[in-house]
Protein backbone atom coordinates (compact mmCIF):
# COMPACT_ATOMS: atom_id res chain seq x y z
CA MET A 1 -18.82 -37.75 -32.06
CA VAL A 2 -18.73 -36.16 -29.41
CA VAL A 3 -15.43 -33.72 -29.44
CA PRO A 4 -14.25 -31.02 -26.87
CA SER A 5 -14.77 -27.50 -27.94
CA LEU A 6 -12.41 -25.20 -29.10
CA PHE A 7 -13.48 -21.59 -28.87
CA VAL A 8 -11.15 -19.00 -30.70
CA ILE A 9 -10.28 -15.03 -29.81
CA ASN A 10 -7.82 -12.80 -30.41
CA CYS A 11 -5.71 -12.03 -27.93
CA LEU A 12 -3.21 -9.67 -28.31
CA ALA A 13 -3.07 -10.06 -31.89
CA GLN A 14 -2.71 -13.57 -31.13
CA ASP A 15 -5.25 -16.08 -31.96
CA VAL A 16 -5.97 -18.64 -28.54
CA ASN A 17 -7.73 -21.73 -28.96
CA PHE A 18 -9.96 -22.30 -25.61
CA GLU A 19 -11.05 -25.88 -24.85
CA LEU A 20 -14.01 -25.87 -22.50
CA ARG A 21 -13.98 -28.88 -20.15
CA ILE A 22 -17.18 -29.86 -18.15
CA VAL A 23 -16.74 -32.16 -14.81
CA THR A 24 -19.09 -33.00 -11.65
CA VAL A 25 -18.18 -35.18 -8.70
CA ALA A 26 -20.32 -38.33 -8.97
CA THR A 27 -19.87 -41.54 -6.28
CA GLU A 28 -23.36 -43.35 -7.93
CA ASN A 29 -25.48 -43.16 -10.52
CA THR A 30 -28.69 -41.40 -10.00
CA ASP A 31 -31.68 -39.80 -11.92
CA GLY A 32 -30.27 -36.52 -11.51
CA LEU A 33 -26.67 -37.80 -12.85
CA CYS A 34 -28.57 -38.85 -16.25
CA ARG A 35 -30.71 -35.75 -16.47
CA LEU A 36 -27.60 -33.58 -16.41
CA ASN A 37 -26.16 -36.11 -19.04
CA ARG A 38 -28.69 -35.93 -21.44
CA SER A 39 -28.32 -32.06 -21.44
CA ALA A 40 -24.81 -32.16 -21.96
CA ASN A 41 -25.48 -34.79 -24.99
CA ALA A 42 -28.09 -32.40 -26.20
CA PHE A 43 -25.72 -29.80 -26.75
CA GLY A 44 -22.84 -31.74 -27.69
CA HIS A 45 -20.87 -31.95 -24.41
CA GLN A 46 -18.24 -34.62 -23.28
CA LEU A 47 -19.65 -35.15 -19.38
CA PHE A 48 -16.19 -36.17 -16.76
CA VAL A 49 -17.40 -37.65 -14.04
CA VAL A 50 -15.14 -38.02 -11.26
CA GLY A 51 -15.55 -40.17 -8.51
CA MET A 52 -18.00 -42.59 -9.77
CA GLY A 53 -17.86 -45.73 -7.15
CA GLU A 54 -16.18 -44.52 -4.78
CA PRO A 55 -17.47 -44.22 -1.24
CA TRP A 56 -19.16 -41.19 -0.29
CA LYS A 57 -17.74 -39.28 2.70
CA GLY A 58 -18.86 -35.63 2.49
CA GLY A 59 -21.94 -35.86 4.72
CA ASP A 60 -25.58 -35.20 4.38
CA MET A 61 -26.37 -33.01 1.17
CA ARG A 62 -28.87 -31.63 2.70
CA GLU A 63 -26.84 -30.55 5.49
CA GLN A 64 -23.26 -28.77 5.90
CA GLY A 65 -20.48 -31.28 4.24
CA GLY A 66 -19.25 -32.20 0.62
CA ALA A 67 -15.72 -31.34 0.65
CA GLN A 68 -14.66 -34.68 -0.80
CA LYS A 69 -15.78 -33.09 -4.16
CA ILE A 70 -13.24 -30.55 -3.48
CA ARG A 71 -10.02 -33.21 -3.31
CA LEU A 72 -11.91 -35.33 -6.11
CA PHE A 73 -11.72 -32.65 -8.21
CA ARG A 74 -8.17 -31.19 -7.33
CA GLU A 75 -6.94 -35.34 -8.27
CA TYR A 76 -8.66 -35.22 -11.54
CA LEU A 77 -7.33 -31.45 -12.16
CA GLU A 78 -3.16 -32.31 -11.31
CA PRO A 79 -2.43 -33.52 -15.12
CA PHE A 80 -3.84 -30.24 -16.10
CA LYS A 81 -2.98 -28.00 -13.74
CA ASP A 82 -0.79 -26.12 -15.57
CA ARG A 83 -2.57 -25.81 -19.16
CA GLU A 84 -3.10 -22.19 -20.13
CA ASP A 85 -5.97 -23.17 -23.03
CA LEU A 86 -7.74 -25.02 -20.63
CA ILE A 87 -11.33 -23.68 -19.04
CA LEU A 88 -12.93 -25.61 -16.51
CA LEU A 89 -17.10 -26.02 -15.93
CA PHE A 90 -17.87 -27.45 -12.98
CA ILE A 91 -21.33 -28.35 -11.90
CA ASP A 92 -22.94 -30.14 -9.44
CA ALA A 93 -24.35 -33.68 -10.59
CA TYR A 94 -27.34 -34.40 -9.10
CA ASP A 95 -28.99 -30.87 -9.65
CA VAL A 96 -27.66 -29.13 -12.67
CA ILE A 97 -29.05 -28.71 -16.13
CA LEU A 98 -27.26 -27.52 -19.04
CA ASN A 99 -28.59 -25.36 -21.60
CA ALA A 100 -26.03 -24.03 -23.83
CA ASP A 101 -23.44 -25.35 -26.03
CA SER A 102 -20.14 -24.81 -25.59
CA ASP A 103 -19.23 -21.96 -27.87
CA THR A 104 -21.75 -20.31 -26.34
CA ILE A 105 -20.83 -21.00 -22.77
CA LEU A 106 -17.22 -19.68 -23.85
CA ARG A 107 -18.06 -16.17 -25.47
CA LYS A 108 -20.37 -15.30 -22.30
CA TYR A 109 -17.94 -16.00 -19.61
CA LEU A 110 -14.83 -14.44 -21.50
CA SER A 111 -17.14 -11.56 -22.64
CA PHE A 112 -19.02 -10.58 -19.55
CA PHE A 113 -15.68 -11.58 -17.17
CA PRO A 114 -12.83 -10.76 -19.15
CA GLU A 115 -10.75 -9.75 -16.05
CA ASN A 116 -12.06 -12.74 -14.00
CA ARG A 117 -10.12 -15.84 -14.31
CA ILE A 118 -12.85 -17.98 -11.73
CA VAL A 119 -16.55 -16.92 -11.46
CA PHE A 120 -19.10 -18.57 -9.40
CA GLY A 121 -22.97 -18.22 -9.54
CA ALA A 122 -24.87 -16.31 -7.21
CA GLU A 123 -27.56 -16.77 -4.48
CA PRO A 124 -29.47 -14.31 -2.39
CA PHE A 125 -28.81 -16.69 0.69
CA CYS A 126 -25.24 -16.56 2.64
CA TRP A 127 -25.08 -20.13 3.54
CA PRO A 128 -24.13 -22.03 5.43
CA ASP A 129 -22.77 -19.18 7.79
CA ARG A 130 -25.15 -16.20 7.60
CA THR A 131 -22.96 -14.27 9.91
CA LEU A 132 -20.11 -13.84 6.97
CA ALA A 133 -22.88 -12.18 5.02
CA PRO A 134 -21.70 -8.28 6.49
CA GLN A 135 -18.14 -9.56 4.87
CA TYR A 136 -19.05 -9.76 1.47
CA PRO A 137 -18.59 -7.13 -1.13
CA PRO A 138 -21.60 -5.04 -2.17
CA VAL A 139 -23.36 -5.21 -5.11
CA ILE A 140 -24.93 -2.65 -6.74
CA PHE A 141 -27.17 -4.72 -8.94
CA GLY A 142 -27.56 -8.38 -8.34
CA GLU A 143 -27.44 -11.63 -6.25
CA ARG A 144 -24.63 -11.22 -3.39
CA TYR A 145 -23.81 -14.65 -1.75
CA LEU A 146 -21.52 -17.37 -3.81
CA ASN A 147 -23.43 -20.65 -4.23
CA SER A 148 -20.25 -23.54 -4.81
CA GLY A 149 -22.82 -25.67 -7.10
CA MET A 150 -21.69 -23.69 -10.51
CA PHE A 151 -18.35 -22.23 -11.68
CA ILE A 152 -16.24 -21.90 -14.25
CA GLY A 153 -12.48 -20.40 -14.54
CA PHE A 154 -8.72 -21.33 -15.89
CA ALA A 155 -7.36 -24.58 -14.74
CA ARG A 156 -4.52 -22.96 -13.35
CA GLU A 157 -6.24 -20.66 -11.13
CA ILE A 158 -9.08 -23.30 -10.08
CA TYR A 159 -6.26 -25.83 -9.28
CA ALA A 160 -4.21 -23.01 -7.02
CA MET A 161 -7.84 -22.40 -5.50
CA LEU A 162 -7.93 -25.90 -4.96
CA ALA A 163 -4.89 -26.60 -3.44
CA ILE A 164 -5.54 -23.94 -0.41
CA ALA A 165 -7.74 -26.85 0.92
CA ARG A 166 -5.22 -29.17 0.94
CA ASP A 167 -2.94 -26.76 2.46
CA LEU A 168 -5.63 -26.36 5.26
CA ASN A 169 -6.04 -29.96 5.77
CA LEU A 170 -9.78 -29.66 4.78
CA GLN A 171 -11.34 -32.48 5.31
CA ASP A 172 -13.92 -34.53 3.03
CA GLY A 173 -16.81 -34.26 5.36
CA ASP A 174 -15.88 -30.17 5.65
CA ASP A 175 -18.14 -28.09 4.16
CA ASP A 176 -17.27 -27.15 0.58
CA GLN A 177 -19.54 -23.76 -0.27
CA LEU A 178 -18.08 -22.44 3.42
CA PHE A 179 -14.23 -23.18 1.75
CA TYR A 180 -15.34 -21.49 -0.88
CA THR A 181 -16.72 -18.60 0.47
CA ARG A 182 -13.77 -18.04 2.63
CA VAL A 183 -11.42 -17.76 -0.08
CA PHE A 184 -13.91 -15.42 -2.10
CA LEU A 185 -13.99 -13.05 1.24
CA ASP A 186 -10.04 -13.44 1.95
CA PRO A 187 -9.30 -9.76 -0.51
CA ASP A 188 -6.05 -11.19 -1.12
CA ARG A 189 -6.67 -14.27 -2.66
CA ARG A 190 -9.98 -13.02 -3.90
CA THR A 191 -7.46 -10.23 -5.91
CA LYS A 192 -4.81 -12.99 -6.55
CA LEU A 193 -7.23 -15.40 -8.31
CA GLY A 194 -9.33 -13.16 -9.85
CA VAL A 195 -12.51 -14.41 -8.51
CA ALA A 196 -15.66 -12.95 -9.33
CA LEU A 197 -19.69 -13.73 -8.57
CA ASP A 198 -22.31 -14.24 -11.72
CA SER A 199 -24.75 -11.75 -9.65
CA MET A 200 -26.88 -10.92 -12.62
CA SER A 201 -27.08 -14.77 -14.00
CA TYR A 202 -25.61 -13.94 -16.68
CA ILE A 203 -23.69 -17.70 -17.14
CA PHE A 204 -25.58 -19.28 -14.12
CA GLN A 205 -28.56 -19.41 -12.65
CA ASN A 206 -29.73 -20.68 -8.88
CA LEU A 207 -33.39 -20.96 -8.69
CA ASN A 208 -33.22 -21.28 -4.94
CA GLY A 209 -35.04 -17.99 -3.65
CA MET A 210 -35.54 -17.17 -7.61
CA GLN A 211 -38.35 -19.34 -8.40
CA GLU A 212 -40.61 -16.82 -9.15
CA PHE A 213 -38.69 -14.89 -11.36
CA VAL A 214 -36.93 -17.74 -13.67
CA GLY A 215 -38.84 -18.99 -16.52
CA ILE A 216 -38.50 -19.95 -19.92
CA SER A 217 -38.29 -16.76 -22.10
CA PRO A 218 -41.11 -15.21 -24.38
CA GLN A 219 -38.45 -14.94 -27.11
CA SER A 220 -38.06 -18.96 -27.48
CA ALA A 221 -41.15 -19.01 -29.56
CA LYS A 222 -39.02 -16.86 -32.71
CA ASN A 223 -36.33 -19.59 -32.48
CA SER A 224 -36.54 -21.65 -35.70
CA ASP A 225 -33.60 -24.48 -34.03
CA ASP A 226 -36.24 -25.58 -30.70
CA PHE A 227 -33.74 -23.88 -28.46
CA VAL A 228 -35.81 -22.79 -25.47
CA MET A 229 -34.11 -20.15 -23.54
CA LEU A 230 -33.97 -19.28 -19.96
CA GLU A 231 -34.72 -16.18 -18.62
CA ASN A 232 -34.08 -14.05 -15.80
CA PHE A 233 -37.01 -11.73 -15.49
CA LEU A 234 -35.75 -9.80 -12.90
CA TYR A 235 -32.34 -8.84 -14.53
CA ASN A 236 -33.15 -9.51 -17.79
CA THR A 237 -30.72 -11.93 -18.57
CA ASN A 238 -30.43 -15.10 -20.17
CA PRO A 239 -28.56 -17.66 -17.61
CA LEU A 240 -27.18 -20.90 -19.60
CA ILE A 241 -26.91 -23.42 -16.87
CA LEU A 242 -29.69 -24.26 -14.46
CA HIS A 243 -29.16 -25.13 -10.62
CA GLY A 244 -32.18 -26.45 -8.60
CA ASN A 245 -30.68 -26.06 -5.26
CA GLY A 246 -31.94 -26.22 -1.41
CA PRO A 247 -35.79 -26.50 -1.87
CA SER A 248 -35.88 -25.60 -5.66
CA LYS A 249 -35.81 -28.55 -7.26
CA SER A 250 -39.19 -29.05 -8.27
CA GLN A 251 -38.95 -25.88 -10.07
CA LEU A 252 -36.16 -27.84 -11.36
CA ASN A 253 -38.07 -30.73 -12.62
CA VAL A 254 -40.72 -28.18 -14.12
CA LEU A 255 -38.12 -26.75 -16.21
CA GLU A 256 -36.68 -29.58 -17.15
CA ASN A 257 -39.64 -30.90 -19.78
CA TYR A 258 -39.25 -27.32 -21.56
CA LEU A 259 -35.52 -26.70 -21.72
CA THR A 260 -32.42 -28.61 -23.47
CA HIS A 261 -33.58 -28.04 -27.50
CA GLY A 262 -36.87 -29.40 -27.90
CA LYS A 263 -36.53 -32.50 -30.14
CA ILE A 264 -33.29 -33.24 -29.66
CA TYR A 265 -33.78 -33.65 -25.79
CA GLN A 266 -36.34 -36.21 -26.77
CA VAL A 267 -33.94 -38.47 -28.62
CA PHE A 268 -31.71 -38.66 -25.56
CA PHE A 269 -34.80 -39.40 -22.83
CA THR A 270 -34.33 -42.99 -23.20
CA GLY A 271 -33.27 -44.13 -19.69
CA LEU A 272 -29.96 -44.87 -20.64
CA CYS A 273 -27.21 -42.92 -18.78
CA LEU A 274 -23.83 -43.39 -20.35
CA PHE A 275 -20.65 -40.13 -19.61
CA ILE A 276 -16.80 -40.43 -19.41
CA LEU A 277 -15.97 -42.06 -16.10
CA ALA A 278 -12.68 -39.72 -15.19
CA PRO A 279 -9.69 -41.60 -13.87
CA LEU A 280 -8.33 -40.09 -10.56
CA LYS A 281 -4.58 -40.73 -9.74
CA LYS A 282 -3.24 -40.04 -6.50
CA TYR A 283 -0.94 -37.30 -6.09
């Protein structure tokens, strides 16, 4: 039976139990969603799918659009918005692979980003509005630009960020990445919400523009439990979650054959796609 992960750390001399909840938005079942769910099953995750069966109003995913995901995620999060022990991992539904268990994801997040309440994946391209590139804070080493396909953070701050979209009357057809980019580029909001980028790919790896630097870690051969690690050879890091954004989906398909726990992955490769449909309540 799959159960929510509880990760215990010592905070101000008190044990704190953090629960990791993995959420995605998908309005229809596809091979990409089944692939994501297989990888979730392989590492003992529950995958909460929001929006299944609803009409998609977020535009063509190859162009700007996708803000419907923000609204659906916000509506799902409403009952949990004040939970201080809940950490949310949001990932795109159709082009992402999970390659770590909850404890590993939480440990990396809390260790590498102890001061940040929300962390987005980063990429080498400023999209969809390249004119915003000069406004980004400088990065000494790593990728500079926000990608909205994967982010992790505390429920309270994530809900506060999503509520900004409601206050701005963001429409379903608007662009989700542009919204998150503008939040990040606002110094006051960035500081208040504690937003950062995973520029070195400690947790998140966006493949577009990085295909030649990402592959299977040679250290994988030393493991005895069939665990296959991903490696970013440019930054010498082992990212835990892989996103085949943009034109990099063919590389994602290649890496899929090696990731997600080897033998365990083969057991789940059955063509079945079972996941938890998260109910929505209108607020």
